[in-house]
């Protein structure tokens, strides 16, 4: 029986374009340092209005990945 253990990390992404782009920023960054990504849960979405009235879309998400057991197969 194969068993696996997963870990969850919370990440925040931001974009001046959209919530979708902010979410893609999270996935892109997580893929650079984490292996075996299996899921993402959006916790919150917020918009920051800057002093020049530009918008910053922020997404807070939980990223799930499987922890490798270190054994070669």
N, C-alpha and C. Protein backbone atom coordinates (compact mmCIF):
# COMPACT_ATOMS: atom_id res chain seq x y z
N UNK A 1 0.85 -1.18 0.00
CA UNK A 1 0.00 0.00 0.00
C UNK A 1 0.89 1.24 0.00
N UNK A 2 0.67 2.12 -0.94
CA UNK A 2 1.45 3.35 -1.02
C UNK A 2 0.72 4.44 -0.23
N UNK A 3 1.46 5.05 0.67
CA UNK A 3 0.89 6.13 1.48
C UNK A 3 1.71 7.38 1.20
N UNK A 4 1.07 8.50 1.31
CA UNK A 4 1.79 9.75 1.11
C UNK A 4 1.40 10.75 2.19
N UNK A 5 2.30 11.67 2.40
CA UNK A 5 2.07 12.74 3.37
C UNK A 5 2.12 14.05 2.60
N UNK A 6 1.19 14.91 2.88
CA UNK A 6 1.13 16.20 2.20
C UNK A 6 1.41 17.32 3.19
N UNK A 7 1.85 18.43 2.65
CA UNK A 7 2.10 19.62 3.46
C UNK A 7 1.35 20.78 2.81
N UNK A 8 0.91 21.71 3.64
CA UNK A 8 0.20 22.89 3.16
C UNK A 8 0.99 24.13 3.57
N UNK A 9 1.20 25.03 2.62
CA UNK A 9 1.83 26.32 2.92
C UNK A 9 0.89 27.42 2.46
N UNK A 10 0.93 28.53 3.15
CA UNK A 10 0.11 29.68 2.80
C UNK A 10 0.97 30.68 2.06
N UNK A 11 0.49 31.13 0.90
CA UNK A 11 1.22 32.09 0.09
C UNK A 11 0.29 33.23 -0.31
N UNK A 12 0.88 34.40 -0.55
CA UNK A 12 0.13 35.57 -1.00
C UNK A 12 0.73 36.03 -2.31
N UNK A 13 -0.11 36.20 -3.32
CA UNK A 13 0.33 36.70 -4.62
C UNK A 13 -0.34 38.03 -4.90
N UNK A 14 0.33 38.87 -5.68
CA UNK A 14 -0.27 40.16 -6.02
C UNK A 14 -0.04 40.45 -7.50
N UNK A 15 -0.92 41.28 -8.05
CA UNK A 15 -0.85 41.64 -9.46
C UNK A 15 -1.56 42.97 -9.66
N UNK A 16 -1.10 43.71 -10.64
CA UNK A 16 -1.80 44.94 -11.01
C UNK A 16 -2.85 44.66 -12.08
N UNK A 17 -2.94 43.40 -12.54
CA UNK A 17 -3.86 43.04 -13.63
C UNK A 17 -5.19 42.47 -13.16
N UNK A 18 -5.13 41.38 -12.35
CA UNK A 18 -6.36 40.68 -11.97
C UNK A 18 -6.10 39.68 -10.85
N UNK A 19 -7.21 39.15 -10.28
CA UNK A 19 -7.09 38.09 -9.29
C UNK A 19 -6.51 36.83 -9.93
N UNK A 20 -6.93 36.54 -11.17
CA UNK A 20 -6.39 35.37 -11.87
C UNK A 20 -4.88 35.48 -12.03
N UNK A 21 -4.39 36.64 -12.38
CA UNK A 21 -2.95 36.82 -12.55
C UNK A 21 -2.23 36.67 -11.21
N UNK A 22 -2.82 37.19 -10.15
CA UNK A 22 -2.22 37.04 -8.82
C UNK A 22 -2.15 35.56 -8.43
N UNK A 23 -3.20 34.79 -8.75
CA UNK A 23 -3.20 33.36 -8.48
C UNK A 23 -2.13 32.66 -9.30
N UNK A 24 -1.99 33.04 -10.56
CA UNK A 24 -0.95 32.46 -11.41
C UNK A 24 0.45 32.78 -10.88
N UNK A 25 0.61 33.95 -10.27
CA UNK A 25 1.89 34.31 -9.67
C UNK A 25 2.23 33.35 -8.52
N UNK A 26 1.22 33.00 -7.73
CA UNK A 26 1.43 32.05 -6.63
C UNK A 26 1.87 30.70 -7.18
N UNK A 27 1.15 30.20 -8.18
CA UNK A 27 1.45 28.88 -8.75
C UNK A 27 2.84 28.88 -9.39
N UNK A 28 3.14 29.93 -10.12
CA UNK A 28 4.44 30.02 -10.79
C UNK A 28 5.58 30.02 -9.78
N UNK A 29 5.44 30.80 -8.72
CA UNK A 29 6.49 30.90 -7.71
C UNK A 29 6.61 29.59 -6.93
N UNK A 30 5.49 28.98 -6.58
CA UNK A 30 5.52 27.72 -5.84
C UNK A 30 6.20 26.63 -6.66
N UNK A 31 5.96 26.61 -7.96
CA UNK A 31 6.58 25.60 -8.82
C UNK A 31 8.10 25.72 -8.89
N UNK A 32 8.64 26.88 -8.58
CA UNK A 32 10.09 27.07 -8.62
C UNK A 32 10.79 26.38 -7.44
N UNK A 33 10.12 26.26 -6.31
CA UNK A 33 10.79 25.72 -5.12
C UNK A 33 10.12 24.49 -4.52
N UNK A 34 8.90 24.21 -4.90
CA UNK A 34 8.18 23.05 -4.35
C UNK A 34 7.93 22.04 -5.46
N UNK A 35 8.01 20.77 -5.09
CA UNK A 35 7.70 19.71 -6.05
C UNK A 35 6.40 19.03 -5.64
N UNK A 36 5.80 18.37 -6.58
CA UNK A 36 4.60 17.57 -6.34
C UNK A 36 3.40 18.40 -5.89
N UNK A 37 3.22 19.58 -6.49
CA UNK A 37 2.04 20.39 -6.17
C UNK A 37 0.79 19.63 -6.59
N UNK A 38 -0.20 19.61 -5.71
CA UNK A 38 -1.43 18.87 -6.03
C UNK A 38 -2.69 19.70 -5.91
N UNK A 39 -2.61 20.87 -5.29
CA UNK A 39 -3.83 21.66 -5.14
C UNK A 39 -3.58 23.05 -4.60
N UNK A 40 -4.60 23.86 -4.74
CA UNK A 40 -4.54 25.24 -4.27
C UNK A 40 -5.94 25.64 -3.80
N UNK A 41 -6.02 26.21 -2.62
CA UNK A 41 -7.30 26.69 -2.08
C UNK A 41 -7.19 28.19 -1.86
N UNK A 42 -8.08 28.94 -2.50
CA UNK A 42 -8.11 30.39 -2.31
C UNK A 42 -8.74 30.68 -0.95
N UNK A 43 -8.01 31.41 -0.12
CA UNK A 43 -8.51 31.77 1.20
C UNK A 43 -9.21 33.13 1.15
N UNK A 44 -8.56 34.10 0.48
CA UNK A 44 -9.17 35.42 0.39
C UNK A 44 -8.66 36.16 -0.85
N UNK A 45 -9.44 37.13 -1.26
CA UNK A 45 -9.08 38.03 -2.35
C UNK A 45 -9.35 39.45 -1.87
N UNK A 46 -8.36 40.33 -2.07
CA UNK A 46 -8.50 41.72 -1.63
C UNK A 46 -7.94 42.63 -2.71
N UNK A 47 -8.45 43.84 -2.73
CA UNK A 47 -7.92 44.86 -3.64
C UNK A 47 -7.36 46.00 -2.80
N UNK A 48 -6.11 46.36 -3.07
CA UNK A 48 -5.50 47.51 -2.42
C UNK A 48 -5.55 48.67 -3.42
N UNK A 49 -6.04 49.82 -2.97
CA UNK A 49 -6.08 51.02 -3.81
C UNK A 49 -4.90 51.89 -3.41
N UNK A 50 -3.99 52.07 -4.33
CA UNK A 50 -2.79 52.86 -4.07
C UNK A 50 -3.08 54.35 -4.16
N UNK A 51 -2.16 55.17 -3.68
CA UNK A 51 -2.37 56.62 -3.63
C UNK A 51 -2.58 57.22 -5.02
N UNK A 52 -2.03 56.59 -6.06
CA UNK A 52 -2.25 57.10 -7.43
C UNK A 52 -3.48 56.46 -8.06
N UNK A 53 -4.32 55.84 -7.24
CA UNK A 53 -5.58 55.21 -7.62
C UNK A 53 -5.41 53.97 -8.49
N UNK A 54 -4.19 53.46 -8.58
CA UNK A 54 -4.01 52.19 -9.26
C UNK A 54 -4.43 51.07 -8.30
N UNK A 55 -4.79 49.93 -8.85
CA UNK A 55 -5.27 48.81 -8.04
C UNK A 55 -4.22 47.72 -7.95
N UNK A 56 -4.17 47.07 -6.79
CA UNK A 56 -3.32 45.90 -6.60
C UNK A 56 -4.21 44.75 -6.13
N UNK A 57 -4.30 43.71 -6.94
CA UNK A 57 -5.11 42.55 -6.62
C UNK A 57 -4.28 41.57 -5.80
N UNK A 58 -4.80 41.16 -4.66
CA UNK A 58 -4.07 40.26 -3.77
C UNK A 58 -4.88 39.00 -3.53
N UNK A 59 -4.19 37.88 -3.62
CA UNK A 59 -4.81 36.58 -3.38
C UNK A 59 -4.00 35.87 -2.30
N UNK A 60 -4.70 35.37 -1.30
CA UNK A 60 -4.08 34.55 -0.25
C UNK A 60 -4.57 33.12 -0.49
N UNK A 61 -3.62 32.17 -0.55
CA UNK A 61 -4.00 30.80 -0.89
C UNK A 61 -3.20 29.79 -0.08
N UNK A 62 -3.79 28.62 0.09
CA UNK A 62 -3.09 27.47 0.66
C UNK A 62 -2.68 26.59 -0.52
N UNK A 63 -1.39 26.24 -0.55
CA UNK A 63 -0.86 25.38 -1.61
C UNK A 63 -0.53 24.03 -0.99
N UNK A 64 -1.01 22.97 -1.62
CA UNK A 64 -0.81 21.61 -1.13
C UNK A 64 0.20 20.89 -2.00
N UNK A 65 1.16 20.21 -1.36
CA UNK A 65 2.12 19.41 -2.11
C UNK A 65 2.46 18.15 -1.33
N UNK A 66 2.81 17.10 -2.08
CA UNK A 66 3.16 15.81 -1.49
C UNK A 66 4.63 15.82 -1.11
N UNK A 67 4.93 15.38 0.11
CA UNK A 67 6.31 15.29 0.59
C UNK A 67 6.92 13.98 0.09
N UNK A 68 8.08 14.09 -0.54
CA UNK A 68 8.77 12.91 -1.02
C UNK A 68 9.37 12.15 0.16
N UNK A 69 9.39 10.83 0.03
CA UNK A 69 9.93 10.03 1.13
C UNK A 69 11.43 9.84 1.06
N UNK A 70 12.09 10.28 0.02
CA UNK A 70 13.53 10.20 -0.09
C UNK A 70 14.06 8.88 -0.59
N UNK A 71 13.18 7.92 -0.83
CA UNK A 71 13.60 6.61 -1.33
C UNK A 71 13.51 6.59 -2.85
N UNK A 72 14.52 6.01 -3.47
CA UNK A 72 14.50 5.87 -4.93
C UNK A 72 13.63 4.69 -5.29
N UNK A 73 12.90 4.84 -6.37
CA UNK A 73 11.98 3.77 -6.78
C UNK A 73 12.45 3.14 -8.06
